[in-house]
């Protein structure tokens, strides 16, 4: 089975590519989502895991974000062959502040506009194209609305906040926590993310949309996360209490994993202690 990972040289993509022994589609491999000729390459693959995106939330980047994340996704979908598999990495942030209404956020949480940036909105728009072309071209397609997926550092990549905190602890540099460390997040190992992709590939499901995170069993506040990192690493974190980061939206987010457990028979296997240790090796 031939597998292609778009963004396969990125922070998460590097690990997903290695898990599947897949090929990379990225600008670092001289391939561009917005180049129609480059996009034709997907015809040669049985599975495409689409992680590549412009992850810029600044207002001035909005047009480029829409172009890359929506048009780039469409270019790939149009070139996919019948009965191939397309897995799209979306984000929990399509829900925006509505997610704060749930202890565990289900897939039917509203996605109405409530102040999301072009990044989150581009992901939501791209989801609709995935659904459309999956039906038009008879592609097996899966959308994962990712919560916080953490992974070891990879060369020349910007990590998310979990790996960033671990790096600051390693270096003895101060950590600025949002809202005093109160926000709660569910954390998922990149290896469990890869296993979720494998579960869809191995299933008979034609189209699926799932919230994907660590769930309630792997959820904790950011201050609790730092304390757990201290315990695992044996290092003491330095918290910059005088300069907290802005409070995030939503304040709390924990994925409801009921649907993916039911349809794909998947659940996180790597607990936080085991997974976070990989950030300190």
C-alpha atoms as a PDB file:
ATOM      1  CA  UNK A   1       0.000   0.000   0.000  1.00  0.00           C
ATOM      2  CA  UNK A   2       1.442   3.342  -1.078  1.00  0.00           C
ATOM      3  CA  UNK A   3       0.907   6.190   1.380  1.00  0.00           C
ATOM      4  CA  UNK A   4       1.572   9.904   0.934  1.00  0.00           C
ATOM      5  CA  UNK A   5       1.677  12.438   3.778  1.00  0.00           C
ATOM      6  CA  UNK A   6       1.259  16.073   2.807  1.00  0.00           C
ATOM      7  CA  UNK A   7       3.269  18.208   5.179  1.00  0.00           C
ATOM      8  CA  UNK A   8       5.327  15.103   5.850  1.00  0.00           C
ATOM      9  CA  UNK A   9       8.358  17.156   6.853  1.00  0.00           C
ATOM     10  CA  UNK A  10       6.394  19.234   9.400  1.00  0.00           C
ATOM     11  CA  UNK A  11       6.096  18.951  13.192  1.00  0.00           C
ATOM     12  CA  UNK A  12       3.484  16.163  13.224  1.00  0.00           C
ATOM     13  CA  UNK A  13       3.961  15.085   9.622  1.00  0.00           C
ATOM     14  CA  UNK A  14       7.529  13.929  10.195  1.00  0.00           C
ATOM     15  CA  UNK A  15       6.316  11.383  12.751  1.00  0.00           C
ATOM     16  CA  UNK A  16       3.271  10.299  10.716  1.00  0.00           C
ATOM     17  CA  UNK A  17       5.443   9.811   7.637  1.00  0.00           C
ATOM     18  CA  UNK A  18       7.902   7.679   9.610  1.00  0.00           C
ATOM     19  CA  UNK A  19       5.108   5.616  11.218  1.00  0.00           C
ATOM     20  CA  UNK A  20       3.760   4.631   7.800  1.00  0.00           C
ATOM     21  CA  UNK A  21       7.087   4.657   5.948  1.00  0.00           C
ATOM     22  CA  UNK A  22       5.270   7.073   3.633  1.00  0.00           C
ATOM     23  CA  UNK A  23       6.369   9.573   1.012  1.00  0.00           C
ATOM     24  CA  UNK A  24       6.394  13.320   1.675  1.00  0.00           C
ATOM     25  CA  UNK A  25       4.491  15.983  -0.238  1.00  0.00           C
ATOM     26  CA  UNK A  26       5.711  19.384   0.915  1.00  0.00           C
ATOM     27  CA  UNK A  27       7.608  22.412  -0.240  1.00  0.00           C
ATOM     28  CA  UNK A  28      10.701  20.920   1.382  1.00  0.00           C
ATOM     29  CA  UNK A  29      10.362  18.054  -1.087  1.00  0.00           C
ATOM     30  CA  UNK A  30       9.767  20.595  -3.887  1.00  0.00           C
ATOM     31  CA  UNK A  31       6.027  19.927  -4.164  1.00  0.00           C
ATOM     32  CA  UNK A  32       3.347  22.612  -3.789  1.00  0.00           C
ATOM     33  CA  UNK A  33      -0.373  22.150  -3.063  1.00  0.00           C
ATOM     34  CA  UNK A  34      -1.169  25.111  -5.283  1.00  0.00           C
ATOM     35  CA  UNK A  35       0.659  23.642  -8.281  1.00  0.00           C
ATOM     36  CA  UNK A  36      -1.896  21.607 -10.238  1.00  0.00           C
ATOM     37  CA  UNK A  37       0.787  19.472 -11.851  1.00  0.00           C
ATOM     38  CA  UNK A  38       2.301  18.620  -8.464  1.00  0.00           C
ATOM     39  CA  UNK A  39      -1.142  17.714  -7.104  1.00  0.00           C
ATOM     40  CA  UNK A  40      -1.555  15.039  -9.776  1.00  0.00           C
ATOM     41  CA  UNK A  41       0.971  12.930  -7.869  1.00  0.00           C
ATOM     42  CA  UNK A  42      -1.766  11.770  -5.489  1.00  0.00           C
ATOM     43  CA  UNK A  43      -3.147   9.553  -8.277  1.00  0.00           C
ATOM     44  CA  UNK A  44      -0.238   7.197  -7.609  1.00  0.00           C
ATOM     45  CA  UNK A  45      -1.183   6.584  -3.961  1.00  0.00           C
ATOM     46  CA  UNK A  46      -3.647   4.358  -2.150  1.00  0.00           C
ATOM     47  CA  UNK A  47      -3.806   6.649   0.907  1.00  0.00           C
ATOM     48  CA  UNK A  48      -3.234  10.386   1.264  1.00  0.00           C
ATOM     49  CA  UNK A  49      -2.961  11.825   4.783  1.00  0.00           C
ATOM     50  CA  UNK A  50      -3.386  15.574   4.344  1.00  0.00           C
ATOM     51  CA  UNK A  51      -1.617  17.514   7.107  1.00  0.00           C
ATOM     52  CA  UNK A  52      -0.124  20.360   5.063  1.00  0.00           C
ATOM     53  CA  UNK A  53      -1.595  23.757   5.930  1.00  0.00           C
ATOM     54  CA  UNK A  54      -0.704  27.383   6.497  1.00  0.00           C
ATOM     55  CA  UNK A  55      -1.142  27.768  10.268  1.00  0.00           C
ATOM     56  CA  UNK A  56      -1.154  31.564  10.510  1.00  0.00           C
ATOM     57  CA  UNK A  57      -3.917  33.211  12.567  1.00  0.00           C
ATOM     58  CA  UNK A  58      -2.902  36.813  11.820  1.00  0.00           C
ATOM     59  CA  UNK A  59      -5.531  38.911   9.995  1.00  0.00           C
ATOM     60  CA  UNK A  60      -3.067  39.965   7.307  1.00  0.00           C
ATOM     61  CA  UNK A  61      -2.480  36.316   6.335  1.00  0.00           C
ATOM     62  CA  UNK A  62      -6.171  35.523   5.815  1.00  0.00           C
ATOM     63  CA  UNK A  63      -6.190  35.430   2.014  1.00  0.00           C
ATOM     64  CA  UNK A  64      -3.094  33.247   1.802  1.00  0.00           C
ATOM     65  CA  UNK A  65      -4.514  30.946   4.488  1.00  0.00           C
ATOM     66  CA  UNK A  66      -7.749  30.457   2.535  1.00  0.00           C
ATOM     67  CA  UNK A  67      -5.834  29.898  -0.691  1.00  0.00           C
ATOM     68  CA  UNK A  68      -3.486  27.290   0.768  1.00  0.00           C
ATOM     69  CA  UNK A  69      -5.875  25.472   3.086  1.00  0.00           C
ATOM     70  CA  UNK A  70      -8.972  25.452   0.883  1.00  0.00           C
ATOM     71  CA  UNK A  71      -7.731  25.605  -2.718  1.00  0.00           C
ATOM     72  CA  UNK A  72      -4.775  23.389  -1.900  1.00  0.00           C
ATOM     73  CA  UNK A  73      -7.092  20.746  -0.454  1.00  0.00           C
ATOM     74  CA  UNK A  74      -9.400  20.966  -3.475  1.00  0.00           C
ATOM     75  CA  UNK A  75      -6.439  20.452  -5.829  1.00  0.00           C
ATOM     76  CA  UNK A  76      -5.580  17.198  -4.087  1.00  0.00           C
ATOM     77  CA  UNK A  77      -9.172  15.963  -3.931  1.00  0.00           C
ATOM     78  CA  UNK A  78      -9.759  16.547  -7.638  1.00  0.00           C
ATOM     79  CA  UNK A  79      -6.748  14.390  -8.457  1.00  0.00           C
ATOM     80  CA  UNK A  80      -7.589  11.466  -6.151  1.00  0.00           C
ATOM     81  CA  UNK A  81      -8.491   8.197  -7.824  1.00  0.00           C
ATOM     82  CA  UNK A  82     -11.640   6.208  -7.101  1.00  0.00           C
ATOM     83  CA  UNK A  83     -11.585   3.966  -4.000  1.00  0.00           C
ATOM     84  CA  UNK A  84      -8.442   5.604  -2.623  1.00  0.00           C
ATOM     85  CA  UNK A  85      -8.392   6.959   0.948  1.00  0.00           C
ATOM     86  CA  UNK A  86      -8.156  10.630   1.907  1.00  0.00           C
ATOM     87  CA  UNK A  87      -7.588  11.580   5.560  1.00  0.00           C
ATOM     88  CA  UNK A  88      -7.912  15.266   6.398  1.00  0.00           C
ATOM     89  CA  UNK A  89      -6.455  16.862   9.524  1.00  0.00           C
ATOM     90  CA  UNK A  90      -8.923  19.492  10.698  1.00  0.00           C
ATOM     91  CA  UNK A  91      -9.003  21.139  14.126  1.00  0.00           C
ATOM     92  CA  UNK A  92     -11.118  21.264  17.287  1.00  0.00           C
ATOM     93  CA  UNK A  93     -11.023  25.048  16.918  1.00  0.00           C
ATOM     94  CA  UNK A  94     -13.758  24.949  14.262  1.00  0.00           C
ATOM     95  CA  UNK A  95     -16.070  24.904  17.320  1.00  0.00           C
ATOM     96  CA  UNK A  96     -14.634  28.097  18.795  1.00  0.00           C
ATOM     97  CA  UNK A  97     -16.236  29.245  22.053  1.00  0.00           C
ATOM     98  CA  UNK A  98     -19.170  26.808  21.643  1.00  0.00           C
ATOM     99  CA  UNK A  99     -16.860  24.052  22.920  1.00  0.00           C
ATOM    100  CA  UNK A 100     -16.968  25.607  26.393  1.00  0.00           C
ATOM    101  CA  UNK A 101     -20.601  24.463  26.676  1.00  0.00           C
ATOM    102  CA  UNK A 102     -19.539  20.811  26.949  1.00  0.00           C
ATOM    103  CA  UNK A 103     -17.622  18.774  29.504  1.00  0.00           C
ATOM    104  CA  UNK A 104     -16.600  16.506  26.588  1.00  0.00           C
ATOM    105  CA  UNK A 105     -17.082  17.988  23.120  1.00  0.00           C
ATOM    106  CA  UNK A 106     -19.105  15.899  20.615  1.00  0.00           C
ATOM    107  CA  UNK A 107     -19.051  16.146  16.832  1.00  0.00           C
ATOM    108  CA  UNK A 108     -22.460  17.873  16.816  1.00  0.00           C
ATOM    109  CA  UNK A 109     -21.120  20.862  18.754  1.00  0.00           C
ATOM    110  CA  UNK A 110     -22.107  23.957  16.709  1.00  0.00           C
ATOM    111  CA  UNK A 111     -19.580  25.291  14.210  1.00  0.00           C
ATOM    112  CA  UNK A 112     -21.332  28.600  13.538  1.00  0.00           C
ATOM    113  CA  UNK A 113     -19.048  31.598  13.157  1.00  0.00           C
ATOM    114  CA  UNK A 114     -18.157  32.981  16.568  1.00  0.00           C
ATOM    115  CA  UNK A 115     -14.925  34.826  15.978  1.00  0.00           C
ATOM    116  CA  UNK A 116     -12.716  32.063  14.590  1.00  0.00           C
ATOM    117  CA  UNK A 117      -9.712  33.209  12.570  1.00  0.00           C
ATOM    118  CA  UNK A 118      -9.236  32.483   8.870  1.00  0.00           C
ATOM    119  CA  UNK A 119      -7.225  29.419   9.881  1.00  0.00           C
ATOM    120  CA  UNK A 120     -10.092  27.686  11.688  1.00  0.00           C
ATOM    121  CA  UNK A 121     -12.634  28.850   9.114  1.00  0.00           C
ATOM    122  CA  UNK A 122     -10.488  27.589   6.223  1.00  0.00           C
ATOM    123  CA  UNK A 123     -10.352  24.162   7.868  1.00  0.00           C
ATOM    124  CA  UNK A 124     -14.139  24.082   8.240  1.00  0.00           C
ATOM    125  CA  UNK A 125     -14.656  25.118   4.609  1.00  0.00           C
ATOM    126  CA  UNK A 126     -12.158  22.495   3.457  1.00  0.00           C
ATOM    127  CA  UNK A 127     -14.086  19.849   5.403  1.00  0.00           C
ATOM    128  CA  UNK A 128     -17.127  20.503   3.229  1.00  0.00           C
ATOM    129  CA  UNK A 129     -15.057  20.011   0.082  1.00  0.00           C
ATOM    130  CA  UNK A 130     -13.723  16.738   1.456  1.00  0.00           C
ATOM    131  CA  UNK A 131     -17.300  15.546   1.953  1.00  0.00           C
ATOM    132  CA  UNK A 132     -18.365  16.746  -1.505  1.00  0.00           C
ATOM    133  CA  UNK A 133     -15.503  15.175  -3.462  1.00  0.00           C
ATOM    134  CA  UNK A 134     -15.635  11.980  -1.422  1.00  0.00           C
ATOM    135  CA  UNK A 135     -19.156  11.488  -2.728  1.00  0.00           C
ATOM    136  CA  UNK A 136     -18.501  12.756  -6.249  1.00  0.00           C
ATOM    137  CA  UNK A 137     -15.350  10.748  -6.868  1.00  0.00           C
ATOM    138  CA  UNK A 138     -16.164   7.719  -4.677  1.00  0.00           C
ATOM    139  CA  UNK A 139     -13.209   8.332  -2.371  1.00  0.00           C
ATOM    140  CA  UNK A 140     -13.104   6.885   1.120  1.00  0.00           C
ATOM    141  CA  UNK A 141     -12.624   9.975   3.266  1.00  0.00           C
ATOM    142  CA  UNK A 142     -12.056  10.754   6.926  1.00  0.00           C
ATOM    143  CA  UNK A 143     -11.918  14.071   8.776  1.00  0.00           C
ATOM    144  CA  UNK A 144     -10.198  14.250  12.153  1.00  0.00           C
ATOM    145  CA  UNK A 145     -10.920  17.344  14.239  1.00  0.00           C
ATOM    146  CA  UNK A 146      -7.708  17.212  16.211  1.00  0.00           C
ATOM    147  CA  UNK A 147      -7.362  18.273  19.801  1.00  0.00           C
ATOM    148  CA  UNK A 148      -3.849  18.717  21.233  1.00  0.00           C
ATOM    149  CA  UNK A 149      -1.502  16.249  19.533  1.00  0.00           C
ATOM    150  CA  UNK A 150       2.016  16.269  20.978  1.00  0.00           C
ATOM    151  CA  UNK A 151       5.223  14.851  19.548  1.00  0.00           C
ATOM    152  CA  UNK A 152       8.991  15.005  20.060  1.00  0.00           C
ATOM    153  CA  UNK A 153      10.779  17.927  18.441  1.00  0.00           C
ATOM    154  CA  UNK A 154      11.678  17.514  14.782  1.00  0.00           C
ATOM    155  CA  UNK A 155      14.307  19.452  12.872  1.00  0.00           C
ATOM    156  CA  UNK A 156      13.411  22.939  11.604  1.00  0.00           C
ATOM    157  CA  UNK A 157       9.818  22.741  12.872  1.00  0.00           C
ATOM    158  CA  UNK A 158       7.793  24.842  15.293  1.00  0.00           C
ATOM    159  CA  UNK A 159       6.197  22.687  17.972  1.00  0.00           C
ATOM    160  CA  UNK A 160       2.849  23.126  19.708  1.00  0.00           C
ATOM    161  CA  UNK A 161       2.590  24.327  23.315  1.00  0.00           C
ATOM    162  CA  UNK A 162       3.069  20.893  24.908  1.00  0.00           C
ATOM    163  CA  UNK A 163       6.417  20.226  23.275  1.00  0.00           C
ATOM    164  CA  UNK A 164       7.323  23.894  23.721  1.00  0.00           C
ATOM    165  CA  UNK A 165       6.783  23.642  27.485  1.00  0.00           C
ATOM    166  CA  UNK A 166       8.994  20.541  27.598  1.00  0.00           C
ATOM    167  CA  UNK A 167      11.699  22.369  25.653  1.00  0.00           C
ATOM    168  CA  UNK A 168      11.594  25.339  28.048  1.00  0.00           C
ATOM    169  CA  UNK A 169      11.853  22.998  31.038  1.00  0.00           C
ATOM    170  CA  UNK A 170      14.829  21.263  29.409  1.00  0.00           C
ATOM    171  CA  UNK A 171      16.519  24.626  28.883  1.00  0.00           C
ATOM    172  CA  UNK A 172      15.611  26.092  32.285  1.00  0.00           C
ATOM    173  CA  UNK A 173      13.710  28.948  30.672  1.00  0.00           C
ATOM    174  CA  UNK A 174      10.456  30.504  32.010  1.00  0.00           C
ATOM    175  CA  UNK A 175       7.019  29.306  30.922  1.00  0.00           C
ATOM    176  CA  UNK A 176       4.208  31.819  30.476  1.00  0.00           C
ATOM    177  CA  UNK A 177       0.907  30.076  31.220  1.00  0.00           C
ATOM    178  CA  UNK A 178      -2.439  31.418  29.956  1.00  0.00           C
ATOM    179  CA  UNK A 179      -5.033  32.309  32.610  1.00  0.00           C
ATOM    180  CA  UNK A 180      -2.762  31.110  35.412  1.00  0.00           C
ATOM    181  CA  UNK A 181      -2.582  27.625  33.928  1.00  0.00           C
ATOM    182  CA  UNK A 182      -6.317  27.006  34.401  1.00  0.00           C
ATOM    183  CA  UNK A 183      -7.260  26.010  30.806  1.00  0.00           C
ATOM    184  CA  UNK A 184      -7.880  22.274  30.435  1.00  0.00           C
ATOM    185  CA  UNK A 185      -6.883  20.236  27.379  1.00  0.00           C
ATOM    186  CA  UNK A 186      -6.918  16.567  26.383  1.00  0.00           C
ATOM    187  CA  UNK A 187      -3.574  15.441  25.012  1.00  0.00           C
ATOM    188  CA  UNK A 188      -2.894  12.792  22.371  1.00  0.00           C
ATOM    189  CA  UNK A 189       0.394  11.194  21.395  1.00  0.00           C
ATOM    190  CA  UNK A 190       1.287  11.508  17.712  1.00  0.00           C
ATOM    191  CA  UNK A 191       1.647   7.716  17.645  1.00  0.00           C
ATOM    192  CA  UNK A 192      -1.987   7.323  18.727  1.00  0.00           C
ATOM    193  CA  UNK A 193      -2.940   9.809  16.002  1.00  0.00           C
ATOM    194  CA  UNK A 194      -1.128   7.612  13.470  1.00  0.00           C
ATOM    195  CA  UNK A 195      -2.983   4.585  14.820  1.00  0.00           C
ATOM    196  CA  UNK A 196      -6.291   6.395  14.301  1.00  0.00           C
ATOM    197  CA  UNK A 197      -5.346   6.961  10.665  1.00  0.00           C
ATOM    198  CA  UNK A 198      -4.512   3.265  10.361  1.00  0.00           C
ATOM    199  CA  UNK A 199      -7.843   2.331  11.964  1.00  0.00           C
ATOM    200  CA  UNK A 200      -9.764   4.257   9.308  1.00  0.00           C
ATOM    201  CA  UNK A 201      -7.670   2.796   6.472  1.00  0.00           C
ATOM    202  CA  UNK A 202      -8.382  -0.709   7.785  1.00  0.00           C
ATOM    203  CA  UNK A 203     -12.112  -0.075   8.262  1.00  0.00           C
ATOM    204  CA  UNK A 204     -14.933  -0.450   5.750  1.00  0.00           C
ATOM    205  CA  UNK A 205     -16.339   3.008   6.500  1.00  0.00           C
ATOM    206  CA  UNK A 206     -16.786   5.169   3.417  1.00  0.00           C
ATOM    207  CA  UNK A 207     -16.915   8.563   5.146  1.00  0.00           C
ATOM    208  CA  UNK A 208     -16.290   9.578   8.734  1.00  0.00           C
ATOM    209  CA  UNK A 209     -15.894  12.752  10.788  1.00  0.00           C
ATOM    210  CA  UNK A 210     -14.431  12.363  14.258  1.00  0.00           C
ATOM    211  CA  UNK A 211     -13.176  14.413  17.179  1.00  0.00           C
ATOM    212  CA  UNK A 212      -9.731  13.045  17.964  1.00  0.00           C
ATOM    213  CA  UNK A 213      -7.835  13.681  21.171  1.00  0.00           C
ATOM    214  CA  UNK A 214      -6.736  12.036  24.357  1.00  0.00           C
ATOM    215  CA  UNK A 215     -10.222  12.153  25.874  1.00  0.00           C
ATOM    216  CA  UNK A 216     -11.087  12.535  29.539  1.00  0.00           C
ATOM    217  CA  UNK A 217      -8.489   9.985  30.607  1.00  0.00           C
ATOM    218  CA  UNK A 218      -5.684  12.138  29.218  1.00  0.00           C
ATOM    219  CA  UNK A 219      -6.984  15.587  30.150  1.00  0.00           C
ATOM    220  CA  UNK A 220      -5.503  18.047  32.622  1.00  0.00           C
ATOM    221  CA  UNK A 221      -5.040  21.758  33.219  1.00  0.00           C
ATOM    222  CA  UNK A 222      -1.933  23.418  31.833  1.00  0.00           C
ATOM    223  CA  UNK A 223      -0.573  23.930  35.349  1.00  0.00           C
ATOM    224  CA  UNK A 224      -1.143  20.231  36.039  1.00  0.00           C
ATOM    225  CA  UNK A 225       0.644  19.470  32.768  1.00  0.00           C
ATOM    226  CA  UNK A 226       3.715  21.418  33.839  1.00  0.00           C
ATOM    227  CA  UNK A 227       3.706  19.651  37.227  1.00  0.00           C
ATOM    228  CA  UNK A 228       3.532  16.269  35.487  1.00  0.00           C
ATOM    229  CA  UNK A 229       6.425  17.269  33.226  1.00  0.00           C
ATOM    230  CA  UNK A 230       8.460  18.185  36.307  1.00  0.00           C
ATOM    231  CA  UNK A 231       7.734  14.783  37.824  1.00  0.00           C
ATOM    232  CA  UNK A 232       8.632  12.905  34.634  1.00  0.00           C
ATOM    233  CA  UNK A 233      11.782  14.858  33.792  1.00  0.00           C
ATOM    234  CA  UNK A 234      13.145  15.437  37.281  1.00  0.00           C
ATOM    235  CA  UNK A 235      13.633  19.101  36.362  1.00  0.00           C
ATOM    236  CA  UNK A 236      11.961  22.094  37.979  1.00  0.00           C
ATOM    237  CA  UNK A 237       9.914  24.367  35.748  1.00  0.00           C
ATOM    238  CA  UNK A 238      10.161  28.127  35.994  1.00  0.00           C
ATOM    239  CA  UNK A 239       6.702  29.710  35.782  1.00  0.00           C
ATOM    240  CA  UNK A 240       6.540  33.378  34.799  1.00  0.00           C
ATOM    241  CA  UNK A 241       3.653  34.383  37.074  1.00  0.00           C
ATOM    242  CA  UNK A 242       4.034  38.096  36.247  1.00  0.00           C
ATOM    243  CA  UNK A 243       3.417  37.770  32.505  1.00  0.00           C
ATOM    244  CA  UNK A 244       0.615  35.269  31.805  1.00  0.00           C
ATOM    245  CA  UNK A 245      -0.330  34.481  28.198  1.00  0.00           C
ATOM    246  CA  UNK A 246      -3.792  35.512  26.922  1.00  0.00           C
ATOM    247  CA  UNK A 247      -6.632  33.149  27.855  1.00  0.00           C
ATOM    248  CA  UNK A 248      -7.435  30.756  25.000  1.00  0.00           C
ATOM    249  CA  UNK A 249     -10.780  30.165  23.283  1.00  0.00           C
ATOM    250  CA  UNK A 250     -12.258  27.818  24.291  1.00  0.00           C
ATOM    251  CA  UNK A 251     -11.015  27.907  27.874  1.00  0.00           C
ATOM    252  CA  UNK A 252     -11.489  24.158  28.272  1.00  0.00           C
ATOM    253  CA  UNK A 253     -11.552  21.424  25.656  1.00  0.00           C
ATOM    254  CA  UNK A 254     -11.829  17.650  26.106  1.00  0.00           C
ATOM    255  CA  UNK A 255     -12.794  15.438  23.155  1.00  0.00           C
ATOM    256  CA  UNK A 256     -15.808  13.142  23.333  1.00  0.00           C
ATOM    257  CA  UNK A 257     -14.370   9.954  21.815  1.00  0.00           C
ATOM    258  CA  UNK A 258     -17.626   7.969  21.766  1.00  0.00           C
ATOM    259  CA  UNK A 259     -18.086   8.042  17.988  1.00  0.00           C
ATOM    260  CA  UNK A 260     -14.555   7.060  16.980  1.00  0.00           C
ATOM    261  CA  UNK A 261     -14.528   4.282  19.592  1.00  0.00           C
ATOM    262  CA  UNK A 262     -17.800   2.959  18.216  1.00  0.00           C
ATOM    263  CA  UNK A 263     -17.055   3.200  14.484  1.00  0.00           C
ATOM    264  CA  UNK A 264     -13.298   2.588  14.311  1.00  0.00           C
ATOM    265  CA  UNK A 265     -12.775   0.596  17.515  1.00  0.00           C
ATOM    266  CA  UNK A 266      -9.989   3.049  18.384  1.00  0.00           C
ATOM    267  CA  UNK A 267      -8.972   4.538  21.710  1.00  0.00           C
ATOM    268  CA  UNK A 268      -5.750   6.147  22.993  1.00  0.00           C
ATOM    269  CA  UNK A 269      -3.214   3.528  24.072  1.00  0.00           C
ATOM    270  CA  UNK A 270      -0.345   5.720  25.239  1.00  0.00           C
ATOM    271  CA  UNK A 271      -0.929   7.277  28.650  1.00  0.00           C
ATOM    272  CA  UNK A 272       0.404  10.708  29.491  1.00  0.00           C
ATOM    273  CA  UNK A 273       3.334   9.550  31.611  1.00  0.00           C
ATOM    274  CA  UNK A 274       4.555   7.248  28.849  1.00  0.00           C
ATOM    275  CA  UNK A 275       3.958   9.747  26.058  1.00  0.00           C
ATOM    276  CA  UNK A 276       5.392  12.827  27.740  1.00  0.00           C
ATOM    277  CA  UNK A 277       8.617  10.953  28.565  1.00  0.00           C
ATOM    278  CA  UNK A 278       9.398  10.977  24.827  1.00  0.00           C
ATOM    279  CA  UNK A 279       9.685  14.778  24.991  1.00  0.00           C
ATOM    280  CA  UNK A 280      12.603  14.592  27.430  1.00  0.00           C
ATOM    281  CA  UNK A 281      14.795  11.936  25.767  1.00  0.00           C
END
